[in-house]
Amino acid sequence: MINPSSFPHSYEDRDTRRLRLRADAFQYSSAMEQLAEMKRNRPEQYDQMGAVAHLSFGYYEAAKSAAAQLGRNMSAPSSQEN
């Protein structure tokens, strides 16, 4: 039988770790920011997009939200590499 108290991490630690991992995954994407603008300004067009775009955008939003909660920089990079 597994004793929950034998684990070194509490549930709060797991949630904090998940938040940090999501924030670590965040990378600014101009394409995703365009999707965010479309979702705000043209929801009917956004709703017609495929499931993959919706899933990708959902992951992007979750990572961006986690980065914001941890106070990380979420702005566009100052120089784009070509």
PDB file of N, CA and C in Angstrom:
ATOM      1  N   MET A   1       0.838  -1.187   0.000  1.00  0.00           N
ATOM      2  CA  MET A   1       0.000   0.000   0.000  1.00  0.00           C
ATOM      3  C   MET A   1       0.883   1.250   0.000  1.00  0.00           C
ATOM      4  N   ILE A   2       0.512   2.208  -0.802  1.00  0.00           N
ATOM      5  CA  ILE A   2       1.289   3.443  -0.902  1.00  0.00           C
ATOM      6  C   ILE A   2       0.804   4.434   0.148  1.00  0.00           C
ATOM      7  N   ASN A   3       1.737   4.962   0.870  1.00  0.00           N
ATOM      8  CA  ASN A   3       1.426   5.962   1.881  1.00  0.00           C
ATOM      9  C   ASN A   3       1.668   7.350   1.273  1.00  0.00           C
ATOM     10  N   PRO A   4       0.624   8.186   1.116  1.00  0.00           N
ATOM     11  CA  PRO A   4       0.801   9.497   0.495  1.00  0.00           C
ATOM     12  C   PRO A   4       1.817  10.378   1.211  1.00  0.00           C
ATOM     13  N   SER A   5       1.981  10.190   2.500  1.00  0.00           N
ATOM     14  CA  SER A   5       2.937  11.019   3.228  1.00  0.00           C
ATOM     15  C   SER A   5       4.379  10.623   2.931  1.00  0.00           C
ATOM     16  N   SER A   6       4.595   9.493   2.248  1.00  0.00           N
ATOM     17  CA  SER A   6       5.952   9.071   1.930  1.00  0.00           C
ATOM     18  C   SER A   6       6.507   9.794   0.705  1.00  0.00           C
ATOM     19  N   PHE A   7       5.648  10.483  -0.039  1.00  0.00           N
ATOM     20  CA  PHE A   7       6.109  11.235  -1.197  1.00  0.00           C
ATOM     21  C   PHE A   7       6.716  12.568  -0.740  1.00  0.00           C
ATOM     22  N   PRO A   8       7.833  12.983  -1.340  1.00  0.00           N
ATOM     23  CA  PRO A   8       8.511  14.195  -0.882  1.00  0.00           C
ATOM     24  C   PRO A   8       7.808  15.492  -1.274  1.00  0.00           C
ATOM     25  N   HIS A   9       6.801  15.428  -2.159  1.00  0.00           N
ATOM     26  CA  HIS A   9       6.158  16.650  -2.632  1.00  0.00           C
ATOM     27  C   HIS A   9       4.684  16.662  -2.248  1.00  0.00           C
ATOM     28  N   SER A  10       4.201  17.832  -1.914  1.00  0.00           N
ATOM     29  CA  SER A  10       2.775  17.971  -1.635  1.00  0.00           C
ATOM     30  C   SER A  10       2.053  18.268  -2.939  1.00  0.00           C
ATOM     31  N   TYR A  11       0.730  18.290  -2.886  1.00  0.00           N
ATOM     32  CA  TYR A  11      -0.048  18.616  -4.085  1.00  0.00           C
ATOM     33  C   TYR A  11       0.261  20.031  -4.553  1.00  0.00           C
ATOM     34  N   GLU A  12       0.489  20.930  -3.623  1.00  0.00           N
ATOM     35  CA  GLU A  12       0.827  22.305  -3.998  1.00  0.00           C
ATOM     36  C   GLU A  12       2.144  22.337  -4.763  1.00  0.00           C
ATOM     37  N   ASP A  13       3.102  21.536  -4.362  1.00  0.00           N
ATOM     38  CA  ASP A  13       4.368  21.472  -5.069  1.00  0.00           C
ATOM     39  C   ASP A  13       4.178  20.963  -6.499  1.00  0.00           C
ATOM     40  N   ARG A  14       3.305  20.000  -6.663  1.00  0.00           N
ATOM     41  CA  ARG A  14       3.035  19.477  -8.003  1.00  0.00           C
ATOM     42  C   ARG A  14       2.401  20.549  -8.879  1.00  0.00           C
ATOM     43  N   ASP A  15       1.454  21.289  -8.315  1.00  0.00           N
ATOM     44  CA  ASP A  15       0.819  22.360  -9.078  1.00  0.00           C
ATOM     45  C   ASP A  15       1.830  23.446  -9.441  1.00  0.00           C
ATOM     46  N   THR A  16       2.697  23.774  -8.504  1.00  0.00           N
ATOM     47  CA  THR A  16       3.726  24.776  -8.764  1.00  0.00           C
ATOM     48  C   THR A  16       4.676  24.286  -9.846  1.00  0.00           C
ATOM     49  N   ARG A  17       5.017  23.024  -9.811  1.00  0.00           N
ATOM     50  CA  ARG A  17       5.903  22.453 -10.827  1.00  0.00           C
ATOM     51  C   ARG A  17       5.244  22.482 -12.195  1.00  0.00           C
ATOM     52  N   ARG A  18       3.966  22.125 -12.252  1.00  0.00           N
ATOM     53  CA  ARG A  18       3.239  22.172 -13.528  1.00  0.00           C
ATOM     54  C   ARG A  18       3.205  23.592 -14.081  1.00  0.00           C
ATOM     55  N   LEU A  19       2.962  24.546 -13.202  1.00  0.00           N
ATOM     56  CA  LEU A  19       2.933  25.946 -13.614  1.00  0.00           C
ATOM     57  C   LEU A  19       4.293  26.360 -14.173  1.00  0.00           C
ATOM     58  N   ARG A  20       5.362  25.989 -13.495  1.00  0.00           N
ATOM     59  CA  ARG A  20       6.706  26.349 -13.946  1.00  0.00           C
ATOM     60  C   ARG A  20       7.031  25.688 -15.283  1.00  0.00           C
ATOM     61  N   LEU A  21       6.661  24.422 -15.428  1.00  0.00           N
ATOM     62  CA  LEU A  21       6.917  23.724 -16.692  1.00  0.00           C
ATOM     63  C   LEU A  21       6.146  24.353 -17.850  1.00  0.00           C
ATOM     64  N   ARG A  22       4.897  24.761 -17.592  1.00  0.00           N
ATOM     65  CA  ARG A  22       4.126  25.450 -18.627  1.00  0.00           C
ATOM     66  C   ARG A  22       4.774  26.773 -18.988  1.00  0.00           C
ATOM     67  N   ALA A  23       5.187  27.512 -17.977  1.00  0.00           N
ATOM     68  CA  ALA A  23       5.832  28.806 -18.228  1.00  0.00           C
ATOM     69  C   ALA A  23       7.136  28.615 -18.982  1.00  0.00           C
ATOM     70  N   ASP A  24       7.885  27.563 -18.660  1.00  0.00           N
ATOM     71  CA  ASP A  24       9.132  27.274 -19.375  1.00  0.00           C
ATOM     72  C   ASP A  24       8.879  26.976 -20.849  1.00  0.00           C
ATOM     73  N   ALA A  25       7.721  26.427 -21.168  1.00  0.00           N
ATOM     74  CA  ALA A  25       7.395  26.070 -22.551  1.00  0.00           C
ATOM     75  C   ALA A  25       6.989  27.283 -23.386  1.00  0.00           C
ATOM     76  N   PHE A  26       6.713  28.411 -22.736  1.00  0.00           N
ATOM     77  CA  PHE A  26       6.237  29.577 -23.482  1.00  0.00           C
ATOM     78  C   PHE A  26       7.346  30.193 -24.315  1.00  0.00           C
ATOM     79  N   GLN A  27       7.052  30.378 -25.580  1.00  0.00           N
ATOM     80  CA  GLN A  27       7.899  31.138 -26.490  1.00  0.00           C
ATOM     81  C   GLN A  27       6.976  32.027 -27.297  1.00  0.00           C
ATOM     82  N   TYR A  28       7.280  33.316 -27.340  1.00  0.00           N
ATOM     83  CA  TYR A  28       6.446  34.245 -28.081  1.00  0.00           C
ATOM     84  C   TYR A  28       6.327  33.804 -29.535  1.00  0.00           C
ATOM     85  N   SER A  29       5.119  33.868 -30.062  1.00  0.00           N
ATOM     86  CA  SER A  29       4.867  33.503 -31.455  1.00  0.00           C
ATOM     87  C   SER A  29       3.949  34.543 -32.075  1.00  0.00           C
ATOM     88  N   SER A  30       4.430  35.200 -33.113  1.00  0.00           N
ATOM     89  CA  SER A  30       3.591  36.208 -33.769  1.00  0.00           C
ATOM     90  C   SER A  30       2.374  35.554 -34.422  1.00  0.00           C
ATOM     91  N   ALA A  31       2.514  34.326 -34.909  1.00  0.00           N
ATOM     92  CA  ALA A  31       1.375  33.623 -35.504  1.00  0.00           C
ATOM     93  C   ALA A  31       0.288  33.371 -34.454  1.00  0.00           C
ATOM     94  N   MET A  32       0.686  32.959 -33.263  1.00  0.00           N
ATOM     95  CA  MET A  32      -0.289  32.709 -32.199  1.00  0.00           C
ATOM     96  C   MET A  32      -0.914  34.014 -31.711  1.00  0.00           C
ATOM     97  N   GLU A  33      -0.133  35.072 -31.697  1.00  0.00           N
ATOM     98  CA  GLU A  33      -0.690  36.376 -31.308  1.00  0.00           C
ATOM     99  C   GLU A  33      -1.712  36.845 -32.338  1.00  0.00           C
ATOM    100  N   GLN A  34      -1.499  36.508 -33.609  1.00  0.00           N
ATOM    101  CA  GLN A  34      -2.480  36.827 -34.645  1.00  0.00           C
ATOM    102  C   GLN A  34      -3.757  36.018 -34.444  1.00  0.00           C
ATOM    103  N   LEU A  35      -3.605  34.758 -34.016  1.00  0.00           N
ATOM    104  CA  LEU A  35      -4.786  33.949 -33.689  1.00  0.00           C
ATOM    105  C   LEU A  35      -5.554  34.547 -32.510  1.00  0.00           C
ATOM    106  N   ALA A  36      -4.820  35.059 -31.521  1.00  0.00           N
ATOM    107  CA  ALA A  36      -5.468  35.689 -30.367  1.00  0.00           C
ATOM    108  C   ALA A  36      -6.261  36.917 -30.811  1.00  0.00           C
ATOM    109  N   GLU A  37      -5.679  37.685 -31.710  1.00  0.00           N
ATOM    110  CA  GLU A  37      -6.376  38.869 -32.235  1.00  0.00           C
ATOM    111  C   GLU A  37      -7.616  38.440 -33.022  1.00  0.00           C
ATOM    112  N   MET A  38      -7.483  37.385 -33.809  1.00  0.00           N
ATOM    113  CA  MET A  38      -8.622  36.867 -34.576  1.00  0.00           C
ATOM    114  C   MET A  38      -9.726  36.397 -33.635  1.00  0.00           C
ATOM    115  N   LYS A  39      -9.351  35.711 -32.572  1.00  0.00           N
ATOM    116  CA  LYS A  39     -10.346  35.206 -31.614  1.00  0.00           C
ATOM    117  C   LYS A  39     -11.105  36.359 -30.963  1.00  0.00           C
ATOM    118  N   ARG A  40     -10.386  37.455 -30.674  1.00  0.00           N
ATOM    119  CA  ARG A  40     -11.028  38.624 -30.065  1.00  0.00           C
ATOM    120  C   ARG A  40     -11.891  39.393 -31.055  1.00  0.00           C
ATOM    121  N   ASN A  41     -11.364  39.648 -32.246  1.00  0.00           N
ATOM    122  CA  ASN A  41     -12.011  40.564 -33.184  1.00  0.00           C
ATOM    123  C   ASN A  41     -12.886  39.885 -34.234  1.00  0.00           C
ATOM    124  N   ARG A  42     -12.580  38.647 -34.571  1.00  0.00           N
ATOM    125  CA  ARG A  42     -13.342  37.937 -35.605  1.00  0.00           C
ATOM    126  C   ARG A  42     -13.635  36.508 -35.132  1.00  0.00           C
ATOM    127  N   PRO A  43     -14.439  36.360 -34.073  1.00  0.00           N
ATOM    128  CA  PRO A  43     -14.670  35.024 -33.501  1.00  0.00           C
ATOM    129  C   PRO A  43     -15.295  34.043 -34.483  1.00  0.00           C
ATOM    130  N   GLU A  44     -16.125  34.521 -35.394  1.00  0.00           N
ATOM    131  CA  GLU A  44     -16.751  33.603 -36.353  1.00  0.00           C
ATOM    132  C   GLU A  44     -15.698  32.992 -37.283  1.00  0.00           C
ATOM    133  N   GLN A  45     -14.696  33.766 -37.670  1.00  0.00           N
ATOM    134  CA  GLN A  45     -13.620  33.241 -38.509  1.00  0.00           C
ATOM    135  C   GLN A  45     -12.731  32.288 -37.695  1.00  0.00           C
ATOM    136  N   TYR A  46     -12.463  32.642 -36.443  1.00  0.00           N
ATOM    137  CA  TYR A  46     -11.669  31.776 -35.564  1.00  0.00           C
ATOM    138  C   TYR A  46     -12.360  30.425 -35.376  1.00  0.00           C
ATOM    139  N   ASP A  47     -13.682  30.443 -35.198  1.00  0.00           N
ATOM    140  CA  ASP A  47     -14.434  29.203 -34.972  1.00  0.00           C
ATOM    141  C   ASP A  47     -14.384  28.264 -36.171  1.00  0.00           C
ATOM    142  N   GLN A  48     -14.139  28.794 -37.356  1.00  0.00           N
ATOM    143  CA  GLN A  48     -14.079  27.966 -38.561  1.00  0.00           C
ATOM    144  C   GLN A  48     -12.715  27.308 -38.757  1.00  0.00           C
ATOM    145  N   MET A  49     -11.736  27.679 -37.954  1.00  0.00           N
ATOM    146  CA  MET A  49     -10.400  27.096 -38.086  1.00  0.00           C
ATOM    147  C   MET A  49     -10.420  25.652 -37.590  1.00  0.00           C
ATOM    148  N   GLY A  50      -9.439  24.884 -37.999  1.00  0.00           N
ATOM    149  CA  GLY A  50      -9.371  23.473 -37.648  1.00  0.00           C
ATOM    150  C   GLY A  50      -9.047  23.220 -36.186  1.00  0.00           C
ATOM    151  N   ALA A  51      -9.231  21.967 -35.797  1.00  0.00           N
ATOM    152  CA  ALA A  51      -9.004  21.564 -34.407  1.00  0.00           C
ATOM    153  C   ALA A  51      -7.547  21.708 -33.998  1.00  0.00           C
ATOM    154  N   VAL A  52      -6.622  21.448 -34.908  1.00  0.00           N
ATOM    155  CA  VAL A  52      -5.195  21.545 -34.572  1.00  0.00           C
ATOM    156  C   VAL A  52      -4.832  22.984 -34.204  1.00  0.00           C
ATOM    157  N   ALA A  53      -5.365  23.945 -34.950  1.00  0.00           N
ATOM    158  CA  ALA A  53      -5.101  25.352 -34.640  1.00  0.00           C
ATOM    159  C   ALA A  53      -5.676  25.717 -33.276  1.00  0.00           C
ATOM    160  N   HIS A  54      -6.867  25.230 -32.976  1.00  0.00           N
ATOM    161  CA  HIS A  54      -7.491  25.515 -31.675  1.00  0.00           C
ATOM    162  C   HIS A  54      -6.688  24.896 -30.532  1.00  0.00           C
ATOM    163  N   LEU A  55      -6.238  23.656 -30.722  1.00  0.00           N
ATOM    164  CA  LEU A  55      -5.439  22.997 -29.684  1.00  0.00           C
ATOM    165  C   LEU A  55      -4.106  23.713 -29.486  1.00  0.00           C
ATOM    166  N   SER A  56      -3.448  24.034 -30.573  1.00  0.00           N
ATOM    167  CA  SER A  56      -2.157  24.729 -30.485  1.00  0.00           C
ATOM    168  C   SER A  56      -2.312  26.065 -29.780  1.00  0.00           C
ATOM    169  N   PHE A  57      -3.369  26.775 -30.128  1.00  0.00           N
ATOM    170  CA  PHE A  57      -3.601  28.072 -29.504  1.00  0.00           C
ATOM    171  C   PHE A  57      -3.928  27.906 -28.017  1.00  0.00           C
ATOM    172  N   GLY A  58      -4.662  26.864 -27.677  1.00  0.00           N
ATOM    173  CA  GLY A  58      -4.971  26.605 -26.263  1.00  0.00           C
ATOM    174  C   GLY A  58      -3.721  26.352 -25.448  1.00  0.00           C
ATOM    175  N   TYR A  59      -2.795  25.559 -25.991  1.00  0.00           N
ATOM    176  CA  TYR A  59      -1.522  25.315 -25.302  1.00  0.00           C
ATOM    177  C   TYR A  59      -0.716  26.606 -25.183  1.00  0.00           C
ATOM    178  N   TYR A  60      -0.734  27.410 -26.240  1.00  0.00           N
ATOM    179  CA  TYR A  60      -0.008  28.681 -26.227  1.00  0.00           C
ATOM    180  C   TYR A  60      -0.577  29.612 -25.151  1.00  0.00           C
ATOM    181  N   GLU A  61      -1.904  29.712 -25.102  1.00  0.00           N
ATOM    182  CA  GLU A  61      -2.546  30.561 -24.087  1.00  0.00           C
ATOM    183  C   GLU A  61      -2.232  30.082 -22.674  1.00  0.00           C
ATOM    184  N   ALA A  62      -2.245  28.770 -22.448  1.00  0.00           N
ATOM    185  CA  ALA A  62      -1.950  28.222 -21.118  1.00  0.00           C
ATOM    186  C   ALA A  62      -0.510  28.532 -20.718  1.00  0.00           C
ATOM    187  N   ALA A  63       0.412  28.376 -21.652  1.00  0.00           N
ATOM    188  CA  ALA A  63       1.821  28.669 -21.369  1.00  0.00           C
ATOM    189  C   ALA A  63       2.019  30.161 -21.124  1.00  0.00           C
ATOM    190  N   LYS A  64       1.342  30.990 -21.894  1.00  0.00           N
ATOM    191  CA  LYS A  64       1.464  32.441 -21.724  1.00  0.00           C
ATOM    192  C   LYS A  64       0.887  32.874 -20.370  1.00  0.00           C
ATOM    193  N   SER A  65      -0.227  32.284 -19.996  1.00  0.00           N
ATOM    194  CA  SER A  65      -0.839  32.590 -18.702  1.00  0.00           C
ATOM    195  C   SER A  65       0.079  32.179 -17.552  1.00  0.00           C
ATOM    196  N   ALA A  66       0.696  31.006 -17.667  1.00  0.00           N
ATOM    197  CA  ALA A  66       1.620  30.543 -16.630  1.00  0.00           C
ATOM    198  C   ALA A  66       2.828  31.468 -16.543  1.00  0.00           C
ATOM    199  N   ALA A  67       3.336  31.897 -17.692  1.00  0.00           N
ATOM    200  CA  ALA A  67       4.471  32.823 -17.696  1.00  0.00           C
ATOM    201  C   ALA A  67       4.089  34.142 -17.035  1.00  0.00           C
ATOM    202  N   ALA A  68       2.882  34.611 -17.289  1.00  0.00           N
ATOM    203  CA  ALA A  68       2.409  35.855 -16.673  1.00  0.00           C
ATOM    204  C   ALA A  68       2.300  35.694 -15.158  1.00  0.00           C
ATOM    205  N   GLN A  69       1.792  34.548 -14.701  1.00  0.00           N
ATOM    206  CA  GLN A  69       1.651  34.313 -13.263  1.00  0.00           C
ATOM    207  C   GLN A  69       2.998  34.304 -12.563  1.00  0.00           C
ATOM    208  N   LEU A  70       4.035  33.865 -13.273  1.00  0.00           N
ATOM    209  CA  LEU A  70       5.368  33.805 -12.671  1.00  0.00           C
ATOM    210  C   LEU A  70       6.179  35.073 -12.947  1.00  0.00           C
ATOM    211  N   GLY A  71       5.552  36.054 -13.582  1.00  0.00           N
ATOM    212  CA  GLY A  71       6.207  37.341 -13.805  1.00  0.00           C
ATOM    213  C   GLY A  71       7.281  37.324 -14.877  1.00  0.00           C
ATOM    214  N   ARG A  72       7.149  36.442 -15.830  1.00  0.00           N
ATOM    215  CA  ARG A  72       8.153  36.354 -16.891  1.00  0.00           C
ATOM    216  C   ARG A  72       7.829  37.300 -18.032  1.00  0.00           C
ATOM    217  N   ASN A  73       8.846  37.585 -18.836  1.00  0.00           N
ATOM    218  CA  ASN A  73       8.689  38.459 -19.995  1.00  0.00           C
ATOM    219  C   ASN A  73       7.891  37.724 -21.071  1.00  0.00           C
ATOM    220  N   MET A  74       6.800  38.328 -21.515  1.00  0.00           N
ATOM    221  CA  MET A  74       5.964  37.708 -22.523  1.00  0.00           C
ATOM    222  C   MET A  74       5.929  38.514 -23.815  1.00  0.00           C
ATOM    223  N   SER A  75       6.728  39.541 -23.900  1.00  0.00           N
ATOM    224  CA  SER A  75       6.698  40.399 -25.077  1.00  0.00           C
ATOM    225  C   SER A  75       7.494  39.781 -26.222  1.00  0.00           C
ATOM    226  N   ALA A  76       7.295  40.374 -27.387  1.00  0.00           N
ATOM    227  CA  ALA A  76       8.015  39.905 -28.577  1.00  0.00           C
ATOM    228  C   ALA A  76       9.494  40.164 -28.411  1.00  0.00           C
ATOM    229  N   PRO A  77      10.322  39.289 -28.940  1.00  0.00           N
ATOM    230  CA  PRO A  77      11.772  39.523 -28.883  1.00  0.00           C
ATOM    231  C   PRO A  77      12.120  40.814 -29.631  1.00  0.00           C
ATOM    232  N   SER A  78      13.129  41.501 -29.157  1.00  0.00           N
ATOM    233  CA  SER A  78      13.490  42.793 -29.759  1.00  0.00           C
ATOM    234  C   SER A  78      14.070  42.627 -31.153  1.00  0.00           C
ATOM    235  N   SER A  79      14.719  41.506 -31.430  1.00  0.00           N
ATOM    236  CA  SER A  79      15.264  41.275 -32.769  1.00  0.00           C
ATOM    237  C   SER A  79      14.876  39.891 -33.227  1.00  0.00           C
ATOM    238  N   GLN A  80      14.306  39.803 -34.404  1.00  0.00           N
ATOM    239  CA  GLN A  80      13.945  38.518 -34.979  1.00  0.00           C
ATOM    240  C   GLN A  80      15.122  37.982 -35.779  1.00  0.00           C
ATOM    241  N   GLU A  81      15.473  36.708 -35.556  1.00  0.00           N
ATOM    242  CA  GLU A  81      16.558  36.100 -36.328  1.00  0.00           C
ATOM    243  C   GLU A  81      16.018  35.668 -37.676  1.00  0.00           C
ATOM    244  N   ASN A  82      16.765  35.943 -38.739  1.00  0.00           N
ATOM    245  CA  ASN A  82      16.338  35.560 -40.087  1.00  0.00           C
ATOM    246  C   ASN A  82      17.145  34.391 -40.571  1.00  0.00           C
TER     247      ASN A  82
END
